[in-house]
Amino acid sequence: MVNKIQSINWDEIEMETVNASMRRRIVTGEKMTVAKIYFDDGFVVPLHCHHNEQITQVIKGQMHFVFGGDDPEELLLTPGDVVVIPPNILHQATCIGEVEEIDMWAPRREDWLDKTDDYLRG
């Protein structure tokens, strides 16, 4: 496989409507996925986990995260905040206000790329 440098502007990437309250643009490389995501006020990202390490940066609005199951930890992210979520950690997030954020995962989010991310589409 030949590596190719890519220069991409977010505005040039097709906006995908995942559900009535979530839209996203996705960029993927060989080993990681990055997404710019837009949530409506009050949307709840359902409790889930995945084998990917995740880094989330809030650009606009706020996200109230709950991590873990039996002994949950809560965290409120505001613009400029970044959280690193290790693999296989249960988490959910409630969006406060109109939210714009960037998520990064390694390895790639194959479920997002092949659209089998049913926990968001339901």
C-alpha atoms as a PDB file:
ATOM      1  CA  MET A   1       0.000   0.000   0.000  1.00  0.00           C
ATOM      2  CA  VAL A   2       1.320   3.417  -0.975  1.00  0.00           C
ATOM      3  CA  ASN A   3       0.868   6.137   1.622  1.00  0.00           C
ATOM      4  CA  LYS A   4      -0.668   9.323   0.265  1.00  0.00           C
ATOM      5  CA  ILE A   5      -0.778  12.678   2.017  1.00  0.00           C
ATOM      6  CA  GLN A   6      -4.280  14.139   1.982  1.00  0.00           C
ATOM      7  CA  SER A   7      -5.351  17.724   2.609  1.00  0.00           C
ATOM      8  CA  ILE A   8      -9.049  18.003   3.390  1.00  0.00           C
ATOM      9  CA  ASN A   9     -11.273  20.890   4.469  1.00  0.00           C
ATOM     10  CA  TRP A  10     -14.166  19.926   6.795  1.00  0.00           C
ATOM     11  CA  ASP A  11     -16.604  21.941   4.668  1.00  0.00           C
ATOM     12  CA  GLU A  12     -15.779  19.796   1.620  1.00  0.00           C
ATOM     13  CA  ILE A  13     -16.810  16.561   3.351  1.00  0.00           C
ATOM     14  CA  GLU A  14     -20.379  15.402   2.869  1.00  0.00           C
ATOM     15  CA  MET A  15     -22.559  15.891   5.947  1.00  0.00           C
ATOM     16  CA  GLU A  16     -24.175  12.620   7.037  1.00  0.00           C
ATOM     17  CA  THR A  17     -27.469  12.739   8.947  1.00  0.00           C
ATOM     18  CA  VAL A  18     -27.253   9.883  11.452  1.00  0.00           C
ATOM     19  CA  ASN A  19     -30.600  10.641  13.139  1.00  0.00           C
ATOM     20  CA  ALA A  20     -32.891  13.640  13.622  1.00  0.00           C
ATOM     21  CA  SER A  21     -30.523  15.175  16.224  1.00  0.00           C
ATOM     22  CA  MET A  22     -27.057  14.151  15.003  1.00  0.00           C
ATOM     23  CA  ARG A  23     -25.037  15.026  11.924  1.00  0.00           C
ATOM     24  CA  ARG A  24     -21.381  14.298  11.189  1.00  0.00           C
ATOM     25  CA  ARG A  25     -18.486  14.526   8.768  1.00  0.00           C
ATOM     26  CA  ILE A  26     -15.910  11.720   8.825  1.00  0.00           C
ATOM     27  CA  VAL A  27     -12.255  11.587   7.789  1.00  0.00           C
ATOM     28  CA  THR A  28     -10.443   8.285   8.030  1.00  0.00           C
ATOM     29  CA  GLY A  29      -6.904   7.139   7.560  1.00  0.00           C
ATOM     30  CA  GLU A  30      -5.380   3.701   7.648  1.00  0.00           C
ATOM     31  CA  LYS A  31      -5.299   3.499  11.468  1.00  0.00           C
ATOM     32  CA  MET A  32      -7.626   6.157  12.850  1.00  0.00           C
ATOM     33  CA  THR A  33     -10.917   7.957  12.297  1.00  0.00           C
ATOM     34  CA  VAL A  34     -11.733  11.608  13.001  1.00  0.00           C
ATOM     35  CA  ALA A  35     -15.258  13.021  12.954  1.00  0.00           C
ATOM     36  CA  LYS A  36     -16.705  16.503  13.319  1.00  0.00           C
ATOM     37  CA  ILE A  37     -20.093  15.998  14.933  1.00  0.00           C
ATOM     38  CA  TYR A  38     -23.086  18.285  15.449  1.00  0.00           C
ATOM     39  CA  PHE A  39     -25.739  17.463  18.085  1.00  0.00           C
ATOM     40  CA  ASP A  40     -29.024  19.180  18.892  1.00  0.00           C
ATOM     41  CA  ASP A  41     -29.717  20.322  22.450  1.00  0.00           C
ATOM     42  CA  GLY A  42     -30.789  17.457  24.699  1.00  0.00           C
ATOM     43  CA  PHE A  43     -29.548  14.614  22.498  1.00  0.00           C
ATOM     44  CA  VAL A  44     -28.244  11.672  24.507  1.00  0.00           C
ATOM     45  CA  VAL A  45     -25.476   9.535  23.063  1.00  0.00           C
ATOM     46  CA  PRO A  46     -26.624   6.149  24.422  1.00  0.00           C
ATOM     47  CA  LEU A  47     -24.533   4.172  26.905  1.00  0.00           C
ATOM     48  CA  HIS A  48     -22.036   2.126  24.891  1.00  0.00           C
ATOM     49  CA  CYS A  49     -18.427   1.013  24.703  1.00  0.00           C
ATOM     50  CA  HIS A  50     -16.014   0.036  21.943  1.00  0.00           C
ATOM     51  CA  HIS A  51     -12.520  -1.338  21.535  1.00  0.00           C
ATOM     52  CA  ASN A  52     -11.300   2.022  20.205  1.00  0.00           C
ATOM     53  CA  GLU A  53      -9.457   4.602  22.271  1.00  0.00           C
ATOM     54  CA  GLN A  54     -11.387   7.877  21.889  1.00  0.00           C
ATOM     55  CA  ILE A  55     -10.430  11.526  22.270  1.00  0.00           C
ATOM     56  CA  THR A  56     -13.270  14.073  22.307  1.00  0.00           C
ATOM     57  CA  GLN A  57     -12.860  17.855  22.048  1.00  0.00           C
ATOM     58  CA  VAL A  58     -15.848  20.150  22.570  1.00  0.00           C
ATOM     59  CA  ILE A  59     -15.894  23.180  20.278  1.00  0.00           C
ATOM     60  CA  LYS A  60     -19.370  24.583  21.046  1.00  0.00           C
ATOM     61  CA  GLY A  61     -21.994  23.797  23.696  1.00  0.00           C
ATOM     62  CA  GLN A  62     -21.486  21.388  26.584  1.00  0.00           C
ATOM     63  CA  MET A  63     -21.405  17.604  26.989  1.00  0.00           C
ATOM     64  CA  HIS A  64     -22.225  15.869  30.241  1.00  0.00           C
ATOM     65  CA  PHE A  65     -20.455  12.489  30.204  1.00  0.00           C
ATOM     66  CA  VAL A  66     -21.137   9.518  32.463  1.00  0.00           C
ATOM     67  CA  PHE A  67     -18.426   6.838  32.501  1.00  0.00           C
ATOM     68  CA  GLY A  68     -18.631   3.309  33.896  1.00  0.00           C
ATOM     69  CA  GLY A  69     -21.526   1.187  35.042  1.00  0.00           C
ATOM     70  CA  ASP A  70     -21.794   0.311  38.747  1.00  0.00           C
ATOM     71  CA  ASP A  71     -19.721   3.200  40.118  1.00  0.00           C
ATOM     72  CA  PRO A  72     -20.107   5.906  37.456  1.00  0.00           C
ATOM     73  CA  GLU A  73     -17.874   8.945  37.075  1.00  0.00           C
ATOM     74  CA  GLU A  74     -19.346  12.181  35.670  1.00  0.00           C
ATOM     75  CA  LEU A  75     -17.616  14.915  33.739  1.00  0.00           C
ATOM     76  CA  LEU A  76     -18.907  18.155  32.179  1.00  0.00           C
ATOM     77  CA  LEU A  77     -17.008  19.287  29.088  1.00  0.00           C
ATOM     78  CA  THR A  78     -17.254  22.879  27.866  1.00  0.00           C
ATOM     79  CA  PRO A  79     -15.684  24.532  24.795  1.00  0.00           C
ATOM     80  CA  GLY A  80     -11.949  23.859  24.712  1.00  0.00           C
ATOM     81  CA  ASP A  81     -12.140  20.797  26.973  1.00  0.00           C
ATOM     82  CA  VAL A  82     -10.727  17.472  25.825  1.00  0.00           C
ATOM     83  CA  VAL A  83     -11.302  14.020  27.321  1.00  0.00           C
ATOM     84  CA  VAL A  84      -9.363  10.821  26.612  1.00  0.00           C
ATOM     85  CA  ILE A  85     -11.563   7.712  26.910  1.00  0.00           C
ATOM     86  CA  PRO A  86      -9.672   4.401  27.150  1.00  0.00           C
ATOM     87  CA  PRO A  87     -10.887   1.376  25.161  1.00  0.00           C
ATOM     88  CA  ASN A  88     -13.821  -0.679  26.516  1.00  0.00           C
ATOM     89  CA  ILE A  89     -15.068   1.994  28.974  1.00  0.00           C
ATOM     90  CA  LEU A  90     -18.852   2.330  29.139  1.00  0.00           C
ATOM     91  CA  HIS A  91     -19.859   5.925  28.432  1.00  0.00           C
ATOM     92  CA  GLN A  92     -22.780   8.103  27.467  1.00  0.00           C
ATOM     93  CA  ALA A  93     -23.131  11.832  26.906  1.00  0.00           C
ATOM     94  CA  THR A  94     -25.963  14.340  27.148  1.00  0.00           C
ATOM     95  CA  CYS A  95     -25.675  17.407  24.940  1.00  0.00           C
ATOM     96  CA  ILE A  96     -26.412  20.769  26.530  1.00  0.00           C
ATOM     97  CA  GLY A  97     -27.125  23.441  23.948  1.00  0.00           C
ATOM     98  CA  GLU A  98     -26.225  23.030  20.295  1.00  0.00           C
ATOM     99  CA  VAL A  99     -23.013  20.981  20.407  1.00  0.00           C
ATOM    100  CA  GLU A 100     -20.165  20.882  17.933  1.00  0.00           C
ATOM    101  CA  GLU A 101     -17.290  18.554  18.748  1.00  0.00           C
ATOM    102  CA  ILE A 102     -14.464  16.543  17.237  1.00  0.00           C
ATOM    103  CA  ASP A 103     -13.922  12.858  18.040  1.00  0.00           C
ATOM    104  CA  MET A 104     -10.814  10.841  17.204  1.00  0.00           C
ATOM    105  CA  TRP A 105     -10.493   7.062  17.483  1.00  0.00           C
ATOM    106  CA  ALA A 106      -7.765   4.498  17.084  1.00  0.00           C
ATOM    107  CA  PRO A 107      -8.103   2.029  15.580  1.00  0.00           C
ATOM    108  CA  ARG A 108     -10.561   3.230  12.924  1.00  0.00           C
ATOM    109  CA  ARG A 109     -14.307   3.184  13.642  1.00  0.00           C
ATOM    110  CA  GLU A 110     -15.250   0.504  11.132  1.00  0.00           C
ATOM    111  CA  ASP A 111     -18.859   0.530  12.444  1.00  0.00           C
ATOM    112  CA  TRP A 112     -19.143   4.219  11.536  1.00  0.00           C
ATOM    113  CA  LEU A 113     -17.592   3.663   8.126  1.00  0.00           C
ATOM    114  CA  ASP A 114     -19.868   0.744   7.194  1.00  0.00           C
ATOM    115  CA  LYS A 115     -22.888   2.350   8.940  1.00  0.00           C
ATOM    116  CA  THR A 116     -23.504  -0.502  11.408  1.00  0.00           C
ATOM    117  CA  ASP A 117     -23.489   1.940  14.372  1.00  0.00           C
ATOM    118  CA  ASP A 118     -27.092   1.040  15.228  1.00  0.00           C
ATOM    119  CA  TYR A 119     -26.855   2.413  18.789  1.00  0.00           C
ATOM    120  CA  LEU A 120     -26.926   5.899  17.216  1.00  0.00           C
ATOM    121  CA  ARG A 121     -29.353   5.242  14.393  1.00  0.00           C
ATOM    122  CA  GLY A 122     -32.104   3.617  16.479  1.00  0.00           C
END
